[in-house]
C-alpha atoms as a PDB file:
ATOM      1  CA  MET A   1       0.000   0.000   0.000  1.00  0.00           C
ATOM      2  CA  LEU A   2       1.284   3.468  -0.874  1.00  0.00           C
ATOM      3  CA  SER A   3       0.855   4.828   2.632  1.00  0.00           C
ATOM      4  CA  ASP A   4       3.058   2.057   4.073  1.00  0.00           C
ATOM      5  CA  ILE A   5       5.788   2.800   1.535  1.00  0.00           C
ATOM      6  CA  LEU A   6       5.687   6.514   2.346  1.00  0.00           C
ATOM      7  CA  LEU A   7       5.830   5.827   6.075  1.00  0.00           C
ATOM      8  CA  ASP A   8       8.881   3.616   5.547  1.00  0.00           C
ATOM      9  CA  PHE A   9      10.679   6.278   3.500  1.00  0.00           C
ATOM     10  CA  LEU A  10       9.788   9.050   5.960  1.00  0.00           C
ATOM     11  CA  ASN A  11      11.968   7.222   8.480  1.00  0.00           C
ATOM     12  CA  GLY A  12      14.938   6.723   6.179  1.00  0.00           C
ATOM     13  CA  GLY A  13      13.786   4.046   3.770  1.00  0.00           C
ATOM     14  CA  PRO A  14      14.273   0.322   3.520  1.00  0.00           C
ATOM     15  CA  GLY A  15      17.749   0.439   1.953  1.00  0.00           C
ATOM     16  CA  HIS A  16      19.531   2.512   4.592  1.00  0.00           C
ATOM     17  CA  LEU A  17      19.951   2.987   8.297  1.00  0.00           C
ATOM     18  CA  SER A  18      16.932   4.661   9.840  1.00  0.00           C
ATOM     19  CA  TYR A  19      17.191   8.342  10.697  1.00  0.00           C
ATOM     20  CA  LYS A  20      17.061   7.351  14.360  1.00  0.00           C
ATOM     21  CA  GLN A  21      20.025   4.975  13.951  1.00  0.00           C
ATOM     22  CA  ILE A  22      22.007   7.698  12.200  1.00  0.00           C
ATOM     23  CA  LEU A  23      21.218  10.530  14.587  1.00  0.00           C
ATOM     24  CA  ASP A  24      21.818   8.339  17.646  1.00  0.00           C
ATOM     25  CA  GLN A  25      25.449   7.981  16.485  1.00  0.00           C
ATOM     26  CA  ILE A  26      26.131  11.726  16.598  1.00  0.00           C
ATOM     27  CA  ASP A  27      27.491  13.451  19.684  1.00  0.00           C
ATOM     28  CA  PRO A  28      27.461  17.206  20.432  1.00  0.00           C
ATOM     29  CA  GLU A  29      31.245  17.436  20.119  1.00  0.00           C
ATOM     30  CA  THR A  30      31.196  16.106  16.562  1.00  0.00           C
ATOM     31  CA  CYS A  31      28.050  17.917  15.497  1.00  0.00           C
ATOM     32  CA  THR A  32      29.667  21.357  15.654  1.00  0.00           C
ATOM     33  CA  LYS A  33      32.839  20.512  13.728  1.00  0.00           C
ATOM     34  CA  SER A  34      33.103  21.844  10.228  1.00  0.00           C
ATOM     35  CA  ILE A  35      35.027  21.451   7.033  1.00  0.00           C
ATOM     36  CA  PRO A  36      35.586  24.308   4.583  1.00  0.00           C
ATOM     37  CA  GLY A  37      32.540  25.024   2.443  1.00  0.00           C
ATOM     38  CA  SER A  38      30.155  22.915   4.491  1.00  0.00           C
ATOM     39  CA  HIS A  39      27.604  23.356   7.222  1.00  0.00           C
ATOM     40  CA  THR A  40      28.097  21.514  10.502  1.00  0.00           C
ATOM     41  CA  ILE A  41      26.050  18.440  11.375  1.00  0.00           C
ATOM     42  CA  TRP A  42      24.145  20.614  13.868  1.00  0.00           C
ATOM     43  CA  GLU A  43      23.321  23.172  11.192  1.00  0.00           C
ATOM     44  CA  GLU A  44      22.158  20.411   8.838  1.00  0.00           C
ATOM     45  CA  LEU A  45      19.879  18.915  11.512  1.00  0.00           C
ATOM     46  CA  VAL A  46      18.404  22.283  12.469  1.00  0.00           C
ATOM     47  CA  HIS A  47      17.798  23.077   8.792  1.00  0.00           C
ATOM     48  CA  MET A  48      16.147  19.675   8.222  1.00  0.00           C
ATOM     49  CA  THR A  49      13.926  20.219  11.247  1.00  0.00           C
ATOM     50  CA  ILE A  50      12.875  23.755  10.306  1.00  0.00           C
ATOM     51  CA  ALA A  51      12.210  22.840   6.669  1.00  0.00           C
ATOM     52  CA  GLN A  52      10.305  19.701   7.640  1.00  0.00           C
ATOM     53  CA  GLU A  53       8.159  21.613  10.128  1.00  0.00           C
ATOM     54  CA  ASP A  54       7.457  24.253   7.491  1.00  0.00           C
ATOM     55  CA  ILE A  55       6.370  21.689   4.903  1.00  0.00           C
ATOM     56  CA  ILE A  56       4.176  19.822   7.396  1.00  0.00           C
ATOM     57  CA  ARG A  57       2.522  22.934   8.767  1.00  0.00           C
ATOM     58  CA  PHE A  58       2.059  24.365   5.249  1.00  0.00           C
ATOM     59  CA  THR A  59       0.372  21.088   4.312  1.00  0.00           C
ATOM     60  CA  LEU A  60      -1.887  20.735   7.356  1.00  0.00           C
ATOM     61  CA  GLU A  61      -2.509  24.294   8.584  1.00  0.00           C
ATOM     62  CA  PRO A  62      -4.225  26.791   6.267  1.00  0.00           C
ATOM     63  CA  ASP A  63      -2.969  29.836   8.200  1.00  0.00           C
ATOM     64  CA  TRP A  64       0.687  28.766   8.498  1.00  0.00           C
ATOM     65  CA  GLN A  65       3.267  31.403   7.550  1.00  0.00           C
ATOM     66  CA  SER A  66       6.635  30.069   6.388  1.00  0.00           C
ATOM     67  CA  PRO A  67       9.849  31.541   7.783  1.00  0.00           C
ATOM     68  CA  PRO A  68      11.723  34.035   5.603  1.00  0.00           C
ATOM     69  CA  TRP A  69      14.005  32.416   3.018  1.00  0.00           C
ATOM     70  CA  PRO A  70      16.831  31.608   3.464  1.00  0.00           C
ATOM     71  CA  GLU A  71      17.678  33.058   6.874  1.00  0.00           C
ATOM     72  CA  GLY A  72      14.652  31.553   8.610  1.00  0.00           C
ATOM     73  CA  TYR A  73      15.701  28.031   7.625  1.00  0.00           C
ATOM     74  CA  TRP A  74      19.233  27.933   9.047  1.00  0.00           C
ATOM     75  CA  PRO A  75      20.600  28.396  12.567  1.00  0.00           C
ATOM     76  CA  GLU A  76      23.246  30.905  13.479  1.00  0.00           C
ATOM     77  CA  PRO A  77      26.590  29.437  12.369  1.00  0.00           C
ATOM     78  CA  GLY A  78      29.317  28.483  14.830  1.00  0.00           C
ATOM     79  CA  LYS A  79      27.073  27.695  17.796  1.00  0.00           C
ATOM     80  CA  ALA A  80      28.373  25.381  20.521  1.00  0.00           C
ATOM     81  CA  VAL A  81      25.800  22.673  21.240  1.00  0.00           C
ATOM     82  CA  THR A  82      25.142  20.800  24.465  1.00  0.00           C
ATOM     83  CA  LEU A  83      23.924  17.230  24.695  1.00  0.00           C
ATOM     84  CA  ILE A  84      20.547  18.539  25.902  1.00  0.00           C
ATOM     85  CA  GLU A  85      20.238  20.854  22.881  1.00  0.00           C
ATOM     86  CA  TRP A  86      21.205  18.069  20.498  1.00  0.00           C
ATOM     87  CA  LYS A  87      18.696  15.637  21.998  1.00  0.00           C
ATOM     88  CA  SER A  88      15.996  18.313  22.019  1.00  0.00           C
ATOM     89  CA  MET A  89      16.494  19.049  18.308  1.00  0.00           C
ATOM     90  CA  VAL A  90      16.467  15.340  17.449  1.00  0.00           C
ATOM     91  CA  GLU A  91      13.249  14.962  19.465  1.00  0.00           C
ATOM     92  CA  ARG A  92      11.694  17.928  17.647  1.00  0.00           C
ATOM     93  CA  PHE A  93      12.648  16.393  14.282  1.00  0.00           C
ATOM     94  CA  PHE A  94      10.984  13.079  15.162  1.00  0.00           C
ATOM     95  CA  SER A  95       7.957  14.744  16.751  1.00  0.00           C
ATOM     96  CA  ASP A  96       7.186  16.490  13.466  1.00  0.00           C
ATOM     97  CA  LEU A  97       7.757  13.252  11.540  1.00  0.00           C
ATOM     98  CA  SER A  98       5.289  11.564  13.882  1.00  0.00           C
ATOM     99  CA  ARG A  99       2.689  14.222  13.134  1.00  0.00           C
ATOM    100  CA  ILE A 100       2.729  13.732   9.365  1.00  0.00           C
ATOM    101  CA  SER A 101       3.086   9.963   9.767  1.00  0.00           C
ATOM    102  CA  ALA A 102      -0.037   9.866  11.937  1.00  0.00           C
ATOM    103  CA  SER A 103      -1.969  11.831   9.307  1.00  0.00           C
ATOM    104  CA  ILE A 104      -0.960   9.262   6.693  1.00  0.00           C
ATOM    105  CA  ARG A 105      -1.501   6.203   8.911  1.00  0.00           C
ATOM    106  CA  ASN A 106      -4.917   7.373  10.156  1.00  0.00           C
ATOM    107  CA  GLY A 107      -6.139   8.276   6.683  1.00  0.00           C
ATOM    108  CA  ASP A 108      -6.656  11.905   7.730  1.00  0.00           C
ATOM    109  CA  ILE A 109      -5.440  12.989   4.299  1.00  0.00           C
ATOM    110  CA  ASP A 110      -6.093  11.651   0.823  1.00  0.00           C
ATOM    111  CA  LEU A 111      -2.598  11.462  -0.634  1.00  0.00           C
ATOM    112  CA  HIS A 112      -3.746  12.235  -4.182  1.00  0.00           C
ATOM    113  CA  GLU A 113      -5.986  15.159  -3.313  1.00  0.00           C
ATOM    114  CA  GLU A 114      -5.051  18.781  -3.807  1.00  0.00           C
ATOM    115  CA  ILE A 115      -4.426  20.612  -0.534  1.00  0.00           C
ATOM    116  CA  PRO A 116      -7.522  22.826  -0.142  1.00  0.00           C
ATOM    117  CA  HIS A 117      -5.572  25.947   0.826  1.00  0.00           C
ATOM    118  CA  ALA A 118      -2.678  25.385  -1.612  1.00  0.00           C
ATOM    119  CA  SER A 119      -3.857  25.291  -5.199  1.00  0.00           C
ATOM    120  CA  GLY A 120      -1.749  23.001  -7.360  1.00  0.00           C
ATOM    121  CA  TYR A 121      -0.145  21.180  -4.412  1.00  0.00           C
ATOM    122  CA  THR A 122      -1.111  17.655  -3.379  1.00  0.00           C
ATOM    123  CA  TYR A 123      -0.495  15.886  -0.093  1.00  0.00           C
ATOM    124  CA  ILE A 124       1.704  13.285  -1.751  1.00  0.00           C
ATOM    125  CA  ARG A 125       3.837  16.016  -3.336  1.00  0.00           C
ATOM    126  CA  GLU A 126       4.560  17.553   0.049  1.00  0.00           C
ATOM    127  CA  ILE A 127       5.294  14.171   1.651  1.00  0.00           C
ATOM    128  CA  LEU A 128       7.699  13.326  -1.181  1.00  0.00           C
ATOM    129  CA  LEU A 129       9.310  16.737  -0.679  1.00  0.00           C
ATOM    130  CA  ILE A 130       9.922  15.883   2.996  1.00  0.00           C
ATOM    131  CA  ILE A 131      11.374  12.495   2.033  1.00  0.00           C
ATOM    132  CA  ASP A 132      13.624  13.990  -0.647  1.00  0.00           C
ATOM    133  CA  HIS A 133      14.833  16.920   1.458  1.00  0.00           C
ATOM    134  CA  ASN A 134      15.553  14.799   4.518  1.00  0.00           C
ATOM    135  CA  ALA A 135      17.378  12.165   2.453  1.00  0.00           C
ATOM    136  CA  TYR A 136      19.623  14.824   0.936  1.00  0.00           C
ATOM    137  CA  HIS A 137      20.566  16.349   4.278  1.00  0.00           C
ATOM    138  CA  ILE A 138      20.922  13.054   6.167  1.00  0.00           C
ATOM    139  CA  GLY A 139      23.383  12.038   3.441  1.00  0.00           C
ATOM    140  CA  LYS A 140      25.385  15.174   4.162  1.00  0.00           C
ATOM    141  CA  ILE A 141      25.281  14.375   7.888  1.00  0.00           C
ATOM    142  CA  MET A 142      26.550  10.842   7.271  1.00  0.00           C
ATOM    143  CA  LEU A 143      29.371  12.121   5.066  1.00  0.00           C
ATOM    144  CA  LEU A 144      30.442  14.670   7.682  1.00  0.00           C
ATOM    145  CA  LYS A 145      30.306  12.027  10.421  1.00  0.00           C
ATOM    146  CA  LYS A 146      32.499   9.744   8.326  1.00  0.00           C
ATOM    147  CA  VAL A 147      35.020  12.529   7.701  1.00  0.00           C
ATOM    148  CA  PHE A 148      35.219  13.377  11.405  1.00  0.00           C
ATOM    149  CA  ASP A 149      35.393   9.715  12.493  1.00  0.00           C
ATOM    150  CA  GLU A 150      38.356   9.148  10.152  1.00  0.00           C
ATOM    151  CA  LYS A 151      40.131  12.205  11.580  1.00  0.00           C
ATOM    152  CA  SER A 152      39.669  11.042  15.179  1.00  0.00           C
ATOM    153  CA  PRO A 153      42.633   9.394  16.909  1.00  0.00           C
ATOM    154  CA  ALA A 154      42.176   5.672  17.488  1.00  0.00           C
END
């Protein structure tokens, strides 16, 4: 069933580690390291979370106002992050995923229908946008983690 496939991909897909498995491997010390020309893991996670929340709220809430682009979608660069902040952001990311997942699972939305307050946009389009955007940024997170793990002393 299409809804089951979408739910699977919202959590990372069948061919990869789940988002939970990936994010559980990251620690606050690593998440704020950077390489030239790249965002930090923290910045990637915050961006994923903000963008995901925006897409979900745009989809489900007629009166939602998106943050300003691009500054409203990225955190302040160079921030030190505590374990509590990291865990809180991860929890926020999964809380939003749970919200859209519940709407799919419960049949609250017809995936093929146009969103009533967003002419030309369908529910499935927005869900695929979440899947695509998260996959892109989780890939960047995994690459950064790999770079930093290889640089760590044994």
